[in-house]
């Protein structure tokens, strides 16, 4: 029970921490919204609360996907974007925006374009990986790196061909930012992220065995091909949903599961209980800082996570953890 006490406290305190994030900002607004003015209630209920919930879902989904990728590739620095999913989603959104089919980069067909781009990229990674080496870790990584460069180049081409307004929207979206979503967007993200996370966490035994090596996992009855397809496909849905609504937000899926793995050990049943709320709270904290540091202006949260992730990566490199 003593080992579970911190986890129980985390889940008990979770609503209060989220409520604190809703209140934080410029101006500070008391969480007792029923005592607030009508203007303050509008800010709390229609702007900050949906934004905090979206940040929590996005951070949790990216952390779970990062945990899975680190186990699948046996690399503590693997991220949800290792196989080029962010570049594929960015390309899909860029194409929709370039041809004037989306209303901004946070809704409409742009979301569908980003989701389609992420799923198409994952499908191509699997096809190329199978042709190159039979869906091995090596072939999947090389296919992902190649497609990442191709999609990134096409995104730059889309920026070059776009007009000034489209380029500004696309560039701002590529920085990774969280804004108050609509009800449909929030429900859409919640269904895909929560549902996908449950599917991934149910494979904790397979992930434990994959960390020991593919040959040993196969000898213990793990169907490597099926597990890879389910894990990679589900991760693509999660990452595609997050990138579609928030843009590519880097390093969350690398830092959070890596730190938890160092603190809690490699058992994914235990990691899985921690990683979603920890990742969600981490991104909520980053977004709260991003909208408060330069108030009344806002910093894209992707810039802040990159500023944190870069030094973290260097620290691990110096300490010999990579």
Foldseek 3Di string as FASTA:
>chain_A
DVVCVVLVVLVVCLVVLLLCLLQFAVVRDDSVLVPPDPVVVCSSPQWRNLLLLLLLLLQLLQQLLLLLQCLQLVNLQDGLCLLPLLLQLLLQLLVCLLVPNDDFQADDCSLVRSLVRNLVSLVQLCVQLCVVPRPDSVSSNVNSVVVNVVSNVSSVVSLVSHDPVSNVRSVLLQLWATTRDDPVLSVQLCCLRVVLLVQSLVCQVLSVQSSVPDVSSVVVPDPSVVVVCSSSNSSSSNQSSSCSRTNDQPDSNNPQLSVCCVVPNSRSNVSSSPRSSSSSSVSSVLQSCQVHVPPVDGHGSSVVSCVVRVVVVVVCVVVVVD
